C-alpha atoms as a PDB file:
ATOM      1  CA  MET A   1     -19.176 -20.615  -1.702  1.00  0.00           C
ATOM      2  CA  VAL A   2     -15.687 -19.274  -2.391  1.00  0.00           C
ATOM      3  CA  LYS A   3     -14.283 -17.295   0.554  1.00  0.00           C
ATOM      4  CA  ILE A   4     -12.221 -14.151  -0.003  1.00  0.00           C
ATOM      5  CA  SER A   5      -9.897 -12.703   2.626  1.00  0.00           C
ATOM      6  CA  ALA A   6      -8.257  -9.286   2.594  1.00  0.00           C
ATOM      7  CA  TYR A   7      -5.172  -8.559   4.680  1.00  0.00           C
ATOM      8  CA  THR A   8      -3.053  -5.593   5.671  1.00  0.00           C
ATOM      9  CA  THR A   9      -0.156  -4.768   7.977  1.00  0.00           C
ATOM     10  CA  CYS A  10       0.400  -1.590   9.936  1.00  0.00           C
ATOM     11  CA  PHE A  11       2.165   0.162  12.775  1.00  0.00           C
ATOM     12  CA  ASN A  12       0.796   3.451  14.157  1.00  0.00           C
ATOM     13  CA  PRO A  13      -1.039   4.240  10.895  1.00  0.00           C
ATOM     14  CA  ILE A  14      -3.060   7.042  12.532  1.00  0.00           C
ATOM     15  CA  PHE A  15       0.145   8.824  13.505  1.00  0.00           C
ATOM     16  CA  TRP A  16       1.433   8.391   9.949  1.00  0.00           C
ATOM     17  CA  PHE A  17      -1.804   9.729   8.384  1.00  0.00           C
ATOM     18  CA  SER A  18      -2.454   6.431   6.621  1.00  0.00           C
ATOM     19  CA  THR A  19      -5.917   5.497   5.411  1.00  0.00           C
ATOM     20  CA  ILE A  20      -6.289   2.453   7.674  1.00  0.00           C
ATOM     21  CA  GLU A  21      -9.991   2.979   8.471  1.00  0.00           C
ATOM     22  CA  ALA A  22     -10.925   3.546   4.820  1.00  0.00           C
ATOM     23  CA  THR A  23      -8.656   0.648   3.830  1.00  0.00           C
ATOM     24  CA  VAL A  24     -10.444  -1.814   6.077  1.00  0.00           C
ATOM     25  CA  LYS A  25     -13.935  -0.522   5.274  1.00  0.00           C
ATOM     26  CA  SER A  26     -13.283  -0.829   1.544  1.00  0.00           C
ATOM     27  CA  ALA A  27     -11.976  -4.377   2.040  1.00  0.00           C
ATOM     28  CA  LEU A  28     -15.172  -5.315   3.877  1.00  0.00           C
ATOM     29  CA  LYS A  29     -17.117  -4.473   0.730  1.00  0.00           C
ATOM     30  CA  PHE A  30     -15.712  -7.463  -1.177  1.00  0.00           C
ATOM     31  CA  SER A  31     -14.240  -9.832   1.431  1.00  0.00           C
ATOM     32  CA  ASP A  32     -15.493 -12.348   3.961  1.00  0.00           C
ATOM     33  CA  GLU A  33     -12.769 -11.443   6.447  1.00  0.00           C
ATOM     34  CA  VAL A  34     -10.157  -8.723   6.866  1.00  0.00           C
ATOM     35  CA  VAL A  35      -6.946  -9.681   8.652  1.00  0.00           C
ATOM     36  CA  VAL A  36      -5.032  -6.780  10.213  1.00  0.00           C
ATOM     37  CA  LEU A  37      -1.545  -7.554  11.501  1.00  0.00           C
ATOM     38  CA  ASP A  38      -0.479  -4.686  13.735  1.00  0.00           C
ATOM     39  CA  GLY A  39       3.102  -4.163  14.890  1.00  0.00           C
ATOM     40  CA  GLY A  40       2.100  -2.864  18.321  1.00  0.00           C
ATOM     41  CA  SER A  41       0.476   0.502  17.613  1.00  0.00           C
ATOM     42  CA  THR A  42       0.102   3.019  20.428  1.00  0.00           C
ATOM     43  CA  ASP A  43      -1.876   5.649  18.494  1.00  0.00           C
ATOM     44  CA  GLY A  44      -5.386   4.255  18.938  1.00  0.00           C
ATOM     45  CA  THR A  45      -5.392   2.099  15.801  1.00  0.00           C
ATOM     46  CA  ILE A  46      -6.764  -1.015  17.519  1.00  0.00           C
ATOM     47  CA  GLU A  47      -9.560   0.950  19.162  1.00  0.00           C
ATOM     48  CA  LEU A  48     -10.417   2.632  15.852  1.00  0.00           C
ATOM     49  CA  LEU A  49     -10.736  -0.684  14.037  1.00  0.00           C
ATOM     50  CA  GLU A  50     -12.711  -2.302  16.845  1.00  0.00           C
ATOM     51  CA  ALA A  51     -15.145   0.636  16.742  1.00  0.00           C
ATOM     52  CA  ILE A  52     -16.073  -0.280  13.152  1.00  0.00           C
ATOM     53  CA  GLY A  53     -18.014  -3.077  14.812  1.00  0.00           C
ATOM     54  CA  ASP A  54     -17.702  -5.805  12.196  1.00  0.00           C
ATOM     55  CA  ASP A  55     -16.772  -9.299  13.352  1.00  0.00           C
ATOM     56  CA  ARG A  56     -15.180 -10.010   9.977  1.00  0.00           C
ATOM     57  CA  ILE A  57     -12.249  -7.860  11.087  1.00  0.00           C
ATOM     58  CA  LYS A  58      -9.590 -10.088  12.668  1.00  0.00           C
ATOM     59  CA  ILE A  59      -6.879  -8.123  14.497  1.00  0.00           C
ATOM     60  CA  PHE A  60      -3.540  -9.673  15.408  1.00  0.00           C
ATOM     61  CA  VAL A  61      -0.661  -7.960  17.181  1.00  0.00           C
ATOM     62  CA  GLU A  62       2.940  -9.036  16.633  1.00  0.00           C
ATOM     63  CA  PRO A  63       5.878  -6.766  17.512  1.00  0.00           C
ATOM     64  CA  ASP A  64       7.743  -5.653  14.400  1.00  0.00           C
ATOM     65  CA  LYS A  65      11.023  -7.483  13.853  1.00  0.00           C
ATOM     66  CA  TYR A  66      13.362  -4.783  12.616  1.00  0.00           C
ATOM     67  CA  GLU A  67      16.309  -7.000  13.482  1.00  0.00           C
ATOM     68  CA  LEU A  68      15.512  -9.018  10.349  1.00  0.00           C
ATOM     69  CA  GLY A  69      16.631  -6.093   8.194  1.00  0.00           C
ATOM     70  CA  ARG A  70      15.450  -5.919   4.584  1.00  0.00           C
ATOM     71  CA  PRO A  71      13.500  -9.226   4.711  1.00  0.00           C
ATOM     72  CA  TRP A  72      11.394  -7.890   7.588  1.00  0.00           C
ATOM     73  CA  LEU A  73       8.536  -6.468   5.475  1.00  0.00           C
ATOM     74  CA  ALA A  74       8.117  -9.679   3.456  1.00  0.00           C
ATOM     75  CA  HIS A  75       8.137 -11.656   6.715  1.00  0.00           C
ATOM     76  CA  LYS A  76       5.392  -9.450   8.184  1.00  0.00           C
ATOM     77  CA  LYS A  77       3.187  -9.598   5.105  1.00  0.00           C
ATOM     78  CA  THR A  78       3.624 -13.363   4.844  1.00  0.00           C
ATOM     79  CA  SER A  79       2.630 -13.683   8.487  1.00  0.00           C
ATOM     80  CA  ALA A  80      -0.553 -11.710   7.758  1.00  0.00           C
ATOM     81  CA  LEU A  81      -1.243 -13.758   4.626  1.00  0.00           C
ATOM     82  CA  ASN A  82      -0.856 -16.994   6.594  1.00  0.00           C
ATOM     83  CA  LYS A  83      -3.491 -15.809   9.058  1.00  0.00           C
ATOM     84  CA  THR A  84      -6.140 -15.497   6.355  1.00  0.00           C
ATOM     85  CA  THR A  85      -8.583 -18.390   6.044  1.00  0.00           C
ATOM     86  CA  GLY A  86     -10.093 -17.700   2.626  1.00  0.00           C
ATOM     87  CA  ASP A  87      -9.694 -19.485  -0.673  1.00  0.00           C
ATOM     88  CA  TRP A  88      -8.291 -16.229  -2.030  1.00  0.00           C
ATOM     89  CA  ALA A  89      -6.384 -13.380  -0.369  1.00  0.00           C
ATOM     90  CA  VAL A  90      -6.229  -9.736  -1.442  1.00  0.00           C
ATOM     91  CA  LEU A  91      -3.305  -7.615  -0.278  1.00  0.00           C
ATOM     92  CA  MET A  92      -4.064  -4.056   0.812  1.00  0.00           C
ATOM     93  CA  ASP A  93      -1.437  -1.809   2.337  1.00  0.00           C
ATOM     94  CA  ALA A  94      -2.598   0.551   5.075  1.00  0.00           C
ATOM     95  CA  ASP A  95      -2.484   3.498   2.667  1.00  0.00           C
ATOM     96  CA  GLU A  96      -4.524   1.873  -0.103  1.00  0.00           C
ATOM     97  CA  VAL A  97      -8.255   1.851  -0.816  1.00  0.00           C
ATOM     98  CA  ILE A  98     -10.306  -0.027  -3.424  1.00  0.00           C
ATOM     99  CA  GLY A  99     -13.378   1.609  -4.942  1.00  0.00           C
ATOM    100  CA  GLU A 100     -16.750   0.157  -4.038  1.00  0.00           C
ATOM    101  CA  TRP A 101     -17.561  -0.284  -7.745  1.00  0.00           C
ATOM    102  CA  ASN A 102     -14.923  -3.046  -7.954  1.00  0.00           C
ATOM    103  CA  ALA A 103     -16.399  -5.293  -5.254  1.00  0.00           C
ATOM    104  CA  LYS A 104     -18.469  -7.382  -7.664  1.00  0.00           C
ATOM    105  CA  LYS A 105     -15.523  -7.757 -10.058  1.00  0.00           C
ATOM    106  CA  ILE A 106     -13.295  -9.089  -7.283  1.00  0.00           C
ATOM    107  CA  ARG A 107     -15.944 -11.585  -6.226  1.00  0.00           C
ATOM    108  CA  GLU A 108     -16.214 -12.785  -9.814  1.00  0.00           C
ATOM    109  CA  LEU A 109     -12.422 -13.226 -10.100  1.00  0.00           C
ATOM    110  CA  ALA A 110     -12.555 -15.705  -7.226  1.00  0.00           C
ATOM    111  CA  GLU A 111     -14.365 -18.158  -9.522  1.00  0.00           C
ATOM    112  CA  SER A 112     -11.359 -18.290 -11.850  1.00  0.00           C
ATOM    113  CA  GLU A 113      -8.820 -21.088 -12.250  1.00  0.00           C
ATOM    114  CA  MET A 114      -5.996 -18.540 -12.244  1.00  0.00           C
ATOM    115  CA  TRP A 115      -3.440 -18.363  -9.458  1.00  0.00           C
ATOM    116  CA  ALA A 116      -3.147 -14.591  -9.190  1.00  0.00           C
ATOM    117  CA  PHE A 117      -4.429 -11.278 -10.524  1.00  0.00           C
ATOM    118  CA  PHE A 118      -2.798  -7.927 -11.249  1.00  0.00           C
ATOM    119  CA  PHE A 119      -4.676  -4.781 -10.216  1.00  0.00           C
ATOM    120  CA  GLY A 120      -3.687  -1.336 -11.470  1.00  0.00           C
ATOM    121  CA  THR A 121      -2.352   1.262  -9.010  1.00  0.00           C
ATOM    122  CA  LEU A 122      -3.086   5.007  -8.882  1.00  0.00           C
ATOM    123  CA  HIS A 123      -0.345   6.821  -6.940  1.00  0.00           C
ATOM    124  CA  PHE A 124      -1.677  10.079  -5.494  1.00  0.00           C
ATOM    125  CA  TYR A 125       1.141  12.500  -4.761  1.00  0.00           C
ATOM    126  CA  ARG A 126       0.793  15.372  -2.274  1.00  0.00           C
ATOM    127  CA  ASP A 127      -2.634  16.225  -3.649  1.00  0.00           C
ATOM    128  CA  TRP A 128      -5.854  14.249  -3.766  1.00  0.00           C
ATOM    129  CA  ASN A 129      -6.189  14.949  -7.485  1.00  0.00           C
ATOM    130  CA  ARG A 130      -2.615  14.560  -8.759  1.00  0.00           C
ATOM    131  CA  ILE A 131      -1.097  11.219  -9.691  1.00  0.00           C
ATOM    132  CA  GLN A 132       2.384   9.956 -10.503  1.00  0.00           C
ATOM    133  CA  ILE A 133       2.563   8.071 -13.781  1.00  0.00           C
ATOM    134  CA  GLU A 134       6.049   8.914 -15.075  1.00  0.00           C
ATOM    135  CA  PRO A 135       9.347   7.153 -14.239  1.00  0.00           C
ATOM    136  CA  ASP A 136      11.560   9.136 -11.899  1.00  0.00           C
ATOM    137  CA  LYS A 137      14.890  10.621 -12.931  1.00  0.00           C
ATOM    138  CA  LYS A 138      16.930   8.052 -11.018  1.00  0.00           C
ATOM    139  CA  GLY A 139      16.005   5.266 -13.399  1.00  0.00           C
ATOM    140  CA  GLY A 140      13.223   3.872 -11.251  1.00  0.00           C
ATOM    141  CA  GLY A 141       9.532   4.392 -11.670  1.00  0.00           C
ATOM    142  CA  TRP A 142       6.087   4.374 -10.176  1.00  0.00           C
ATOM    143  CA  TYR A 143       4.721   0.908 -10.839  1.00  0.00           C
ATOM    144  CA  GLN A 144       1.394   1.038 -12.629  1.00  0.00           C
ATOM    145  CA  SER A 145       0.194  -2.411 -11.554  1.00  0.00           C
ATOM    146  CA  LYS A 146       1.174  -5.353  -9.395  1.00  0.00           C
ATOM    147  CA  ILE A 147      -0.253  -8.621  -8.102  1.00  0.00           C
ATOM    148  CA  TYR A 148      -2.791  -7.969  -5.352  1.00  0.00           C
ATOM    149  CA  MET A 149      -4.951 -11.089  -5.360  1.00  0.00           C
ATOM    150  CA  VAL A 150      -3.611 -14.636  -4.928  1.00  0.00           C
ATOM    151  CA  LYS A 151      -5.069 -18.098  -4.560  1.00  0.00           C
ATOM    152  CA  LYS A 152      -4.383 -19.829  -1.265  1.00  0.00           C
ATOM    153  CA  GLY A 153      -2.983 -23.338  -0.865  1.00  0.00           C
ATOM    154  CA  LEU A 154      -0.310 -23.074  -3.564  1.00  0.00           C
ATOM    155  CA  GLY A 155       2.597 -22.007  -1.376  1.00  0.00           C
ATOM    156  CA  ILE A 156       2.477 -18.375  -2.498  1.00  0.00           C
ATOM    157  CA  HIS A 157       4.129 -15.966  -0.053  1.00  0.00           C
ATOM    158  CA  HIS A 158       5.941 -12.629   0.069  1.00  0.00           C
ATOM    159  CA  GLY A 159       9.614 -12.333  -0.720  1.00  0.00           C
ATOM    160  CA  SER A 160      12.317 -10.276  -2.381  1.00  0.00           C
ATOM    161  CA  VAL A 161      12.123  -9.808  -6.149  1.00  0.00           C
ATOM    162  CA  GLY A 162      14.926  -7.570  -7.399  1.00  0.00           C
ATOM    163  CA  MET A 163      14.703  -4.277  -5.505  1.00  0.00           C
ATOM    164  CA  ASP A 164      11.152  -5.088  -4.422  1.00  0.00           C
ATOM    165  CA  ARG A 165      11.509  -6.695  -1.028  1.00  0.00           C
ATOM    166  CA  ASP A 166       7.895  -7.788  -0.478  1.00  0.00           C
ATOM    167  CA  ASN A 167       6.602  -9.083  -3.808  1.00  0.00           C
ATOM    168  CA  PHE A 168       4.832 -12.420  -4.272  1.00  0.00           C
ATOM    169  CA  VAL A 169       6.939 -15.513  -4.855  1.00  0.00           C
ATOM    170  CA  ILE A 170       6.237 -19.202  -5.365  1.00  0.00           C
ATOM    171  CA  ASN A 171       8.796 -22.012  -5.303  1.00  0.00           C
ATOM    172  CA  GLY A 172      11.522 -19.402  -5.099  1.00  0.00           C
ATOM    173  CA  GLN A 173      10.379 -17.660  -8.287  1.00  0.00           C
ATOM    174  CA  PRO A 174       8.517 -14.372  -8.835  1.00  0.00           C
ATOM    175  CA  LEU A 175       4.803 -15.068  -9.129  1.00  0.00           C
ATOM    176  CA  ALA A 176       4.670 -12.397 -11.838  1.00  0.00           C
ATOM    177  CA  ASP A 177       6.760 -14.657 -14.096  1.00  0.00           C
ATOM    178  CA  SER A 178       4.953 -15.488 -17.328  1.00  0.00           C
ATOM    179  CA  LYS A 179       5.028 -19.241 -16.703  1.00  0.00           C
ATOM    180  CA  PHE A 180       2.598 -18.956 -13.809  1.00  0.00           C
ATOM    181  CA  MET A 181      -1.173 -18.680 -14.216  1.00  0.00           C
ATOM    182  CA  ARG A 182      -1.895 -15.019 -13.586  1.00  0.00           C
ATOM    183  CA  ALA A 183      -3.928 -12.371 -15.391  1.00  0.00           C
ATOM    184  CA  ARG A 184      -4.389  -8.622 -15.537  1.00  0.00           C
ATOM    185  CA  THR A 185      -7.609  -6.824 -14.649  1.00  0.00           C
ATOM    186  CA  ASP A 186      -8.989  -3.299 -14.982  1.00  0.00           C
ATOM    187  CA  ILE A 187      -9.387  -2.964 -11.195  1.00  0.00           C
ATOM    188  CA  LYS A 188      -7.597   0.081  -9.772  1.00  0.00           C
ATOM    189  CA  VAL A 189      -6.157   0.413  -6.275  1.00  0.00           C
ATOM    190  CA  PHE A 190      -5.974   3.963  -4.902  1.00  0.00           C
ATOM    191  CA  HIS A 191      -2.590   4.470  -3.220  1.00  0.00           C
ATOM    192  CA  TYR A 192      -2.547   7.524  -0.935  1.00  0.00           C
ATOM    193  CA  GLY A 193       0.825   6.883   0.716  1.00  0.00           C
ATOM    194  CA  TRP A 194       2.396  10.097  -0.589  1.00  0.00           C
ATOM    195  CA  CYS A 195      -0.649  12.226   0.139  1.00  0.00           C
ATOM    196  CA  ARG A 196       0.085  13.381   3.682  1.00  0.00           C
ATOM    197  CA  PRO A 197       1.309  16.545   5.464  1.00  0.00           C
ATOM    198  CA  ASP A 198       4.847  17.519   4.462  1.00  0.00           C
ATOM    199  CA  SER A 199       6.181  16.999   7.983  1.00  0.00           C
ATOM    200  CA  VAL A 200       4.945  13.392   7.940  1.00  0.00           C
ATOM    201  CA  LEU A 201       6.278  12.823   4.430  1.00  0.00           C
ATOM    202  CA  LEU A 202       9.718  13.996   5.502  1.00  0.00           C
ATOM    203  CA  MET A 203       9.716  11.537   8.401  1.00  0.00           C
ATOM    204  CA  LYS A 204       8.549   8.810   6.030  1.00  0.00           C
ATOM    205  CA  LYS A 205      11.275   9.635   3.509  1.00  0.00           C
ATOM    206  CA  TRP A 206      13.953   9.714   6.210  1.00  0.00           C
ATOM    207  CA  THR A 207      13.066   6.299   7.615  1.00  0.00           C
ATOM    208  CA  GLN A 208      12.294   4.767   4.223  1.00  0.00           C
ATOM    209  CA  GLU A 209      15.731   5.403   2.743  1.00  0.00           C
ATOM    210  CA  ILE A 210      17.473   4.110   5.871  1.00  0.00           C
ATOM    211  CA  ASP A 211      15.237   1.047   5.775  1.00  0.00           C
ATOM    212  CA  TRP A 212      15.869   0.458   2.066  1.00  0.00           C
ATOM    213  CA  TRP A 213      19.555   1.269   1.849  1.00  0.00           C
ATOM    214  CA  SER A 214      21.392   1.668   5.168  1.00  0.00           C
ATOM    215  CA  PRO A 215      21.823   3.978   8.175  1.00  0.00           C
ATOM    216  CA  GLU A 216      24.617   5.613   6.147  1.00  0.00           C
ATOM    217  CA  TYR A 217      22.283   6.802   3.370  1.00  0.00           C
ATOM    218  CA  TRP A 218      21.753  10.329   4.622  1.00  0.00           C
ATOM    219  CA  LYS A 219      25.487  10.891   5.095  1.00  0.00           C
ATOM    220  CA  THR A 220      25.792  11.157   1.302  1.00  0.00           C
ATOM    221  CA  HIS A 221      22.375  12.646   0.433  1.00  0.00           C
ATOM    222  CA  GLU A 222      20.839  16.016   1.148  1.00  0.00           C
ATOM    223  CA  PHE A 223      18.114  16.471   3.719  1.00  0.00           C
ATOM    224  CA  PRO A 224      15.476  17.919   3.919  1.00  0.00           C
ATOM    225  CA  PHE A 225      14.416  16.090   0.808  1.00  0.00           C
ATOM    226  CA  GLN A 226      13.044  18.188  -2.055  1.00  0.00           C
ATOM    227  CA  PHE A 227       9.602  16.894  -3.000  1.00  0.00           C
ATOM    228  CA  GLU A 228       8.054  17.335  -6.400  1.00  0.00           C
ATOM    229  CA  ASN A 229       5.493  20.056  -7.037  1.00  0.00           C
ATOM    230  CA  PRO A 230       2.156  18.224  -7.456  1.00  0.00           C
ATOM    231  CA  ASN A 231       0.944  20.891  -9.871  1.00  0.00           C
ATOM    232  CA  THR A 232       3.335  19.501 -12.493  1.00  0.00           C
ATOM    233  CA  LEU A 233       1.757  16.035 -12.355  1.00  0.00           C
ATOM    234  CA  THR A 234      -1.127  14.417 -14.190  1.00  0.00           C
ATOM    235  CA  GLU A 235      -4.519  15.583 -12.941  1.00  0.00           C
ATOM    236  CA  PHE A 236      -6.916  12.926 -11.692  1.00  0.00           C
ATOM    237  CA  THR A 237     -10.485  13.728 -12.628  1.00  0.00           C
ATOM    238  CA  GLY A 238     -12.142  10.465 -11.650  1.00  0.00           C
ATOM    239  CA  GLN A 239     -14.070   9.412  -8.582  1.00  0.00           C
ATOM    240  CA  HIS A 240     -12.503   8.590  -5.230  1.00  0.00           C
ATOM    241  CA  PRO A 241     -13.794   5.628  -3.177  1.00  0.00           C
ATOM    242  CA  LYS A 242     -16.699   6.673  -0.975  1.00  0.00           C
ATOM    243  CA  TRP A 243     -14.757   5.932   2.225  1.00  0.00           C
ATOM    244  CA  MET A 244     -12.270   8.668   1.329  1.00  0.00           C
ATOM    245  CA  LYS A 245     -14.716  11.512   0.822  1.00  0.00           C
ATOM    246  CA  ASP A 246     -14.891  12.711   4.438  1.00  0.00           C
ATOM    247  CA  LEU A 247     -11.126  12.372   4.857  1.00  0.00           C
ATOM    248  CA  ILE A 248     -10.436  14.334   1.691  1.00  0.00           C
ATOM    249  CA  LYS A 249     -12.845  17.075   2.765  1.00  0.00           C
ATOM    250  CA  GLU A 250     -11.324  17.260   6.247  1.00  0.00           C
ATOM    251  CA  LYS A 251      -7.717  17.284   5.075  1.00  0.00           C
ATOM    252  CA  TRP A 252      -8.186  19.345   1.920  1.00  0.00           C
ATOM    253  CA  ARG A 253      -6.640  22.454   3.437  1.00  0.00           C
ATOM    254  CA  TRP A 254      -3.310  21.004   4.488  1.00  0.00           C
ATOM    255  CA  ILE A 255      -2.956  18.948   1.359  1.00  0.00           C
ATOM    256  CA  ARG A 256      -3.366  22.055  -0.844  1.00  0.00           C
ATOM    257  CA  GLU A 257      -1.202  24.554   1.035  1.00  0.00           C
ATOM    258  CA  PHE A 258       2.342  23.702  -0.018  1.00  0.00           C
ATOM    259  CA  ASN A 259       5.446  25.830   0.048  1.00  0.00           C
ATOM    260  CA  ASN A 260       5.798  27.169  -3.472  1.00  0.00           C
ATOM    261  CA  ASP A 261       9.591  27.284  -3.562  1.00  0.00           C
ATOM    262  CA  TRP A 262      10.340  24.421  -5.945  1.00  0.00           C
ATOM    263  CA  LYS A 263      13.892  24.209  -7.269  1.00  0.00           C
ATOM    264  CA  GLY A 264      13.656  21.798 -10.158  1.00  0.00           C
ATOM    265  CA  PHE A 265      13.250  18.058  -9.982  1.00  0.00           C
ATOM    266  CA  PRO A 266      12.864  16.812  -6.395  1.00  0.00           C
ATOM    267  CA  TRP A 267      15.254  13.871  -6.270  1.00  0.00           C
ATOM    268  CA  VAL A 268      18.367  14.713  -4.329  1.00  0.00           C
ATOM    269  CA  LYS A 269      21.812  14.236  -5.833  1.00  0.00           C
ATOM    270  CA  THR A 270      24.661  12.346  -4.285  1.00  0.00           C
ATOM    271  CA  LYS A 271      27.326  14.699  -3.011  1.00  0.00           C
END
């Protein structure tokens, strides 16, 4: 029987209002093991995951290596990937959840001769029912799909691909390159990383730009950062994964009560 592993990395995800519990529970629906590589959380994450009570959850703790700079995230994800023991591995960030209706599809993909599979991504933005689908005004964009599922034993690992510092690579080349055996699917991953209280989002934005660019970033950019009004975005009318329902109900109030003082497009301008 083909074995499927899921893996994720985290550091204090409870503090950061990530979906770590729902992430792991959704992974258990389709996988034979779930590897969690924790950076040394002090917010009760380990205890929360242990309380799920499933021996398929394999928790490892390795202190984060910020001294590695930009390559650090790829190093951490590769370390987690290397700890999986399945024939296939499915990447899930600690703010992502896969719907229970896709479990059978993922199991069926594992019978393929392909090397990797693209899943679609739904980016929820400051509201459980608003999603980002348009490119931003800085020339970037919200990716609509990426490789999530890879075959083990081929030397596939995480690495820098353009501005993406933790994509999949093989033999020094992007795994997404057309010459490699990969295919697209209709599976959707629910990304809730930008669906948190504003105070947490501001901390995330502050650290993210320093991490991506340099400690000098905020010397030439305005802060606090102006976020986009979710009411201007595409409405999501579909079904959320079942593991998110209690969380959405509990957090509905803070996710809906935003300051209504929007001043145009959110991206800050260089002074």
